[in-house]
N, C-alpha and C. Protein backbone atom coordinates (compact mmCIF):
# COMPACT_ATOMS: atom_id res chain seq x y z
N MET A 1 25.23 24.70 21.98
CA MET A 1 24.29 23.78 22.59
C MET A 1 23.92 22.71 21.58
N LYS A 2 24.03 21.47 21.96
CA LYS A 2 23.72 20.35 21.08
C LYS A 2 22.25 19.96 21.23
N VAL A 3 21.54 19.88 20.10
CA VAL A 3 20.13 19.51 20.11
C VAL A 3 20.02 18.01 19.89
N ARG A 4 19.31 17.35 20.78
CA ARG A 4 19.13 15.90 20.66
C ARG A 4 18.00 15.59 19.70
N ARG A 5 18.17 14.54 18.91
CA ARG A 5 17.12 14.07 18.02
C ARG A 5 16.09 13.28 18.81
N SER A 6 14.85 13.46 18.48
CA SER A 6 13.79 12.72 19.15
C SER A 6 13.78 11.27 18.67
N ILE A 7 13.50 10.36 19.57
CA ILE A 7 13.44 8.96 19.18
C ILE A 7 12.17 8.66 18.39
N TRP A 8 11.20 9.57 18.41
CA TRP A 8 9.93 9.35 17.72
C TRP A 8 9.92 9.95 16.33
N ARG A 9 11.03 10.53 15.91
CA ARG A 9 11.07 11.24 14.64
C ARG A 9 10.74 10.33 13.45
N ASP A 10 11.27 9.13 13.43
CA ASP A 10 11.09 8.22 12.30
C ASP A 10 10.01 7.17 12.56
N ALA A 11 9.16 7.39 13.54
CA ALA A 11 8.16 6.38 13.90
C ALA A 11 7.10 6.20 12.82
N SER A 12 6.83 7.22 12.02
CA SER A 12 5.77 7.10 11.03
C SER A 12 6.28 6.65 9.65
N LEU A 13 7.57 6.46 9.51
CA LEU A 13 8.10 6.01 8.22
C LEU A 13 7.77 4.54 8.00
N THR A 14 7.55 4.18 6.75
CA THR A 14 7.26 2.79 6.45
C THR A 14 8.55 1.99 6.48
N PRO A 15 8.52 0.80 7.07
CA PRO A 15 9.75 -0.01 7.12
C PRO A 15 10.12 -0.51 5.73
N ARG A 16 11.41 -0.56 5.46
CA ARG A 16 11.92 -0.99 4.16
C ARG A 16 12.95 -2.08 4.35
N ILE A 17 12.90 -3.05 3.46
CA ILE A 17 13.88 -4.13 3.43
C ILE A 17 14.50 -4.11 2.05
N MET A 18 15.78 -3.85 1.98
CA MET A 18 16.53 -3.74 0.72
C MET A 18 15.88 -2.74 -0.24
N GLY A 19 15.38 -1.64 0.27
CA GLY A 19 14.82 -0.59 -0.56
C GLY A 19 13.39 -0.78 -1.01
N ILE A 20 12.78 -1.88 -0.62
CA ILE A 20 11.39 -2.15 -1.01
C ILE A 20 10.53 -2.08 0.24
N ASP A 21 9.32 -1.55 0.09
CA ASP A 21 8.38 -1.48 1.20
C ASP A 21 8.19 -2.87 1.79
N ALA A 22 8.18 -2.96 3.12
CA ALA A 22 8.13 -4.25 3.79
C ALA A 22 6.84 -5.01 3.49
N ARG A 23 5.77 -4.30 3.12
CA ARG A 23 4.52 -4.99 2.76
C ARG A 23 4.67 -5.79 1.48
N GLY A 24 5.68 -5.47 0.69
CA GLY A 24 5.91 -6.20 -0.55
C GLY A 24 6.42 -7.61 -0.33
N TYR A 25 6.92 -7.90 0.87
CA TYR A 25 7.43 -9.23 1.16
C TYR A 25 6.37 -10.15 1.76
N PHE A 26 5.15 -9.72 1.84
CA PHE A 26 4.07 -10.55 2.38
C PHE A 26 3.86 -11.84 1.56
N PRO A 27 4.00 -11.81 0.23
CA PRO A 27 3.84 -13.08 -0.51
C PRO A 27 4.84 -14.16 -0.11
N ILE A 28 6.00 -13.78 0.41
CA ILE A 28 6.96 -14.78 0.88
C ILE A 28 6.38 -15.55 2.07
N LEU A 29 5.65 -14.85 2.95
CA LEU A 29 5.03 -15.54 4.08
C LEU A 29 4.00 -16.57 3.61
N ILE A 30 3.27 -16.22 2.57
CA ILE A 30 2.31 -17.17 2.01
C ILE A 30 3.05 -18.35 1.39
N ALA A 31 4.15 -18.08 0.71
CA ALA A 31 4.93 -19.15 0.10
C ALA A 31 5.56 -20.05 1.16
N LEU A 32 5.92 -19.50 2.30
CA LEU A 32 6.46 -20.34 3.38
C LEU A 32 5.38 -21.21 4.01
N TYR A 33 4.16 -20.75 3.99
CA TYR A 33 3.06 -21.55 4.52
C TYR A 33 2.71 -22.71 3.59
N TYR A 34 2.82 -22.47 2.30
CA TYR A 34 2.50 -23.49 1.30
C TYR A 34 3.73 -23.66 0.40
N PRO A 35 4.74 -24.39 0.84
CA PRO A 35 6.01 -24.44 0.12
C PRO A 35 5.97 -25.31 -1.13
N ARG A 36 5.78 -24.66 -2.24
CA ARG A 36 5.87 -25.30 -3.55
C ARG A 36 6.72 -24.40 -4.43
N ALA A 37 7.22 -24.96 -5.48
CA ALA A 37 8.08 -24.17 -6.37
C ALA A 37 7.31 -23.03 -7.02
N TRP A 38 6.07 -23.30 -7.40
CA TRP A 38 5.32 -22.25 -8.09
C TRP A 38 4.92 -21.13 -7.14
N THR A 39 4.68 -21.42 -5.84
CA THR A 39 4.34 -20.34 -4.92
C THR A 39 5.55 -19.44 -4.66
N PHE A 40 6.75 -20.03 -4.60
CA PHE A 40 7.94 -19.20 -4.45
C PHE A 40 8.19 -18.36 -5.69
N SER A 41 7.89 -18.92 -6.87
CA SER A 41 8.08 -18.13 -8.09
C SER A 41 7.05 -17.00 -8.19
N VAL A 42 5.81 -17.26 -7.77
CA VAL A 42 4.80 -16.21 -7.76
C VAL A 42 5.17 -15.13 -6.74
N ALA A 43 5.69 -15.56 -5.58
CA ALA A 43 6.13 -14.59 -4.57
C ALA A 43 7.30 -13.76 -5.10
N GLY A 44 8.23 -14.38 -5.80
CA GLY A 44 9.34 -13.64 -6.40
C GLY A 44 8.86 -12.64 -7.44
N LEU A 45 7.89 -13.05 -8.26
CA LEU A 45 7.33 -12.12 -9.24
C LEU A 45 6.59 -10.97 -8.57
N ALA A 46 5.92 -11.25 -7.47
CA ALA A 46 5.23 -10.19 -6.73
C ALA A 46 6.22 -9.20 -6.15
N ILE A 47 7.35 -9.68 -5.64
CA ILE A 47 8.36 -8.79 -5.09
C ILE A 47 8.98 -7.94 -6.19
N VAL A 48 9.22 -8.54 -7.35
CA VAL A 48 9.73 -7.76 -8.49
C VAL A 48 8.70 -6.72 -8.91
N ALA A 49 7.42 -7.08 -8.89
CA ALA A 49 6.38 -6.11 -9.24
C ALA A 49 6.34 -4.96 -8.23
N PHE A 50 6.50 -5.27 -6.95
CA PHE A 50 6.55 -4.22 -5.93
C PHE A 50 7.78 -3.33 -6.12
N TYR A 51 8.90 -3.93 -6.51
CA TYR A 51 10.11 -3.14 -6.76
C TYR A 51 9.89 -2.18 -7.93
N LEU A 52 9.31 -2.69 -9.01
CA LEU A 52 9.05 -1.83 -10.16
C LEU A 52 8.03 -0.74 -9.82
N MET A 53 7.07 -1.09 -9.00
CA MET A 53 6.08 -0.11 -8.57
C MET A 53 6.75 1.00 -7.74
N GLU A 54 7.69 0.63 -6.88
CA GLU A 54 8.43 1.61 -6.09
C GLU A 54 9.28 2.51 -6.98
N ARG A 55 9.84 1.94 -8.03
CA ARG A 55 10.66 2.74 -8.95
C ARG A 55 9.83 3.78 -9.70
N LYS A 56 8.56 3.47 -9.94
CA LYS A 56 7.68 4.43 -10.60
C LYS A 56 7.12 5.46 -9.64
N GLY A 57 7.35 5.28 -8.34
CA GLY A 57 6.91 6.25 -7.36
C GLY A 57 5.61 5.89 -6.65
N TYR A 58 5.12 4.70 -6.85
CA TYR A 58 3.90 4.26 -6.18
C TYR A 58 4.24 3.46 -4.93
N THR A 59 3.41 3.61 -3.93
CA THR A 59 3.44 2.69 -2.80
C THR A 59 2.14 1.88 -2.88
N LEU A 60 2.00 0.89 -2.04
CA LEU A 60 0.81 0.05 -2.11
C LEU A 60 -0.48 0.83 -1.86
N PRO A 61 -0.56 1.69 -0.83
CA PRO A 61 -1.80 2.45 -0.64
C PRO A 61 -2.07 3.42 -1.79
N VAL A 62 -1.03 4.02 -2.35
CA VAL A 62 -1.22 4.94 -3.48
C VAL A 62 -1.70 4.18 -4.70
N LEU A 63 -1.15 3.00 -4.93
CA LEU A 63 -1.60 2.18 -6.07
C LEU A 63 -3.05 1.78 -5.90
N MET A 64 -3.46 1.41 -4.68
CA MET A 64 -4.86 1.04 -4.46
C MET A 64 -5.79 2.23 -4.68
N ARG A 65 -5.36 3.43 -4.26
CA ARG A 65 -6.17 4.62 -4.52
C ARG A 65 -6.26 4.92 -6.00
N ALA A 66 -5.17 4.72 -6.74
CA ALA A 66 -5.19 4.97 -8.18
C ALA A 66 -6.11 3.98 -8.89
N ILE A 67 -6.09 2.72 -8.47
CA ILE A 67 -6.99 1.72 -9.06
C ILE A 67 -8.44 2.06 -8.74
N ARG A 68 -8.71 2.47 -7.49
CA ARG A 68 -10.07 2.85 -7.11
C ARG A 68 -10.54 4.05 -7.89
N HIS A 69 -9.65 5.01 -8.12
CA HIS A 69 -10.00 6.19 -8.91
C HIS A 69 -10.32 5.81 -10.35
N ARG A 70 -9.55 4.87 -10.92
CA ARG A 70 -9.81 4.41 -12.28
C ARG A 70 -11.16 3.71 -12.39
N LEU A 71 -11.48 2.89 -11.39
CA LEU A 71 -12.75 2.17 -11.42
C LEU A 71 -13.94 3.10 -11.17
N ARG A 72 -13.76 4.07 -10.28
CA ARG A 72 -14.84 4.96 -9.92
C ARG A 72 -15.12 5.98 -11.00
N GLY A 73 -14.08 6.49 -11.63
CA GLY A 73 -14.24 7.56 -12.61
C GLY A 73 -13.82 8.88 -12.02
N SER A 74 -13.79 9.90 -12.83
CA SER A 74 -13.27 11.17 -12.36
C SER A 74 -14.34 12.06 -11.72
N VAL A 75 -15.62 11.72 -11.89
CA VAL A 75 -16.69 12.53 -11.32
C VAL A 75 -17.07 11.96 -9.96
N VAL A 76 -16.98 12.78 -8.94
CA VAL A 76 -17.41 12.39 -7.61
C VAL A 76 -18.63 13.23 -7.28
N HIS A 77 -19.74 12.58 -6.96
CA HIS A 77 -20.97 13.30 -6.74
C HIS A 77 -20.92 14.05 -5.41
N GLY A 78 -21.70 15.13 -5.35
CA GLY A 78 -21.54 16.18 -4.37
C GLY A 78 -21.76 15.90 -2.91
N ARG A 79 -22.68 15.10 -2.52
CA ARG A 79 -23.00 15.01 -1.10
C ARG A 79 -22.62 13.66 -0.53
N ALA A 80 -22.11 13.67 0.68
CA ALA A 80 -21.78 12.44 1.37
C ALA A 80 -23.06 11.80 1.91
N TRP A 81 -22.96 10.56 2.32
CA TRP A 81 -24.16 9.84 2.74
C TRP A 81 -24.78 10.43 3.99
N TRP A 82 -23.98 11.06 4.86
CA TRP A 82 -24.54 11.58 6.10
C TRP A 82 -25.25 12.93 5.90
N HIS A 83 -25.14 13.53 4.73
CA HIS A 83 -25.82 14.78 4.46
C HIS A 83 -27.18 14.58 3.77
N HIS A 84 -27.47 13.38 3.34
CA HIS A 84 -28.75 13.14 2.68
C HIS A 84 -29.88 13.13 3.69
N ARG A 85 -31.01 13.65 3.28
CA ARG A 85 -32.19 13.63 4.16
C ARG A 85 -32.82 12.25 4.11
N ARG A 86 -33.00 11.66 5.26
CA ARG A 86 -33.59 10.33 5.31
C ARG A 86 -35.09 10.35 5.60
N PHE A 87 -35.51 11.38 6.29
CA PHE A 87 -36.91 11.46 6.69
C PHE A 87 -37.51 12.73 6.10
N TYR A 88 -38.66 12.60 5.54
CA TYR A 88 -39.32 13.74 4.92
C TYR A 88 -40.52 14.15 5.77
N ASP A 89 -40.74 15.44 5.86
CA ASP A 89 -41.88 15.95 6.66
C ASP A 89 -43.16 15.88 5.90
């Protein structure tokens, strides 16, 4: 019996263009909106930076979480905002 693959199997994968996350090509759209030589060079440098980031194993959301963790510090205080008492008897 042949098992068919679901068409939804790869729906949650991030799209890739030439091995780089598709979000890395967003600077090209900005460069196309404002076509100057320096904007295309900045967009090219951004794509190279995204490529190097992918080679190290980071994606854009993971990099943003790592930066947030560096800025916040390693200590996370115990209670969330919805657990704090707002009204006192």
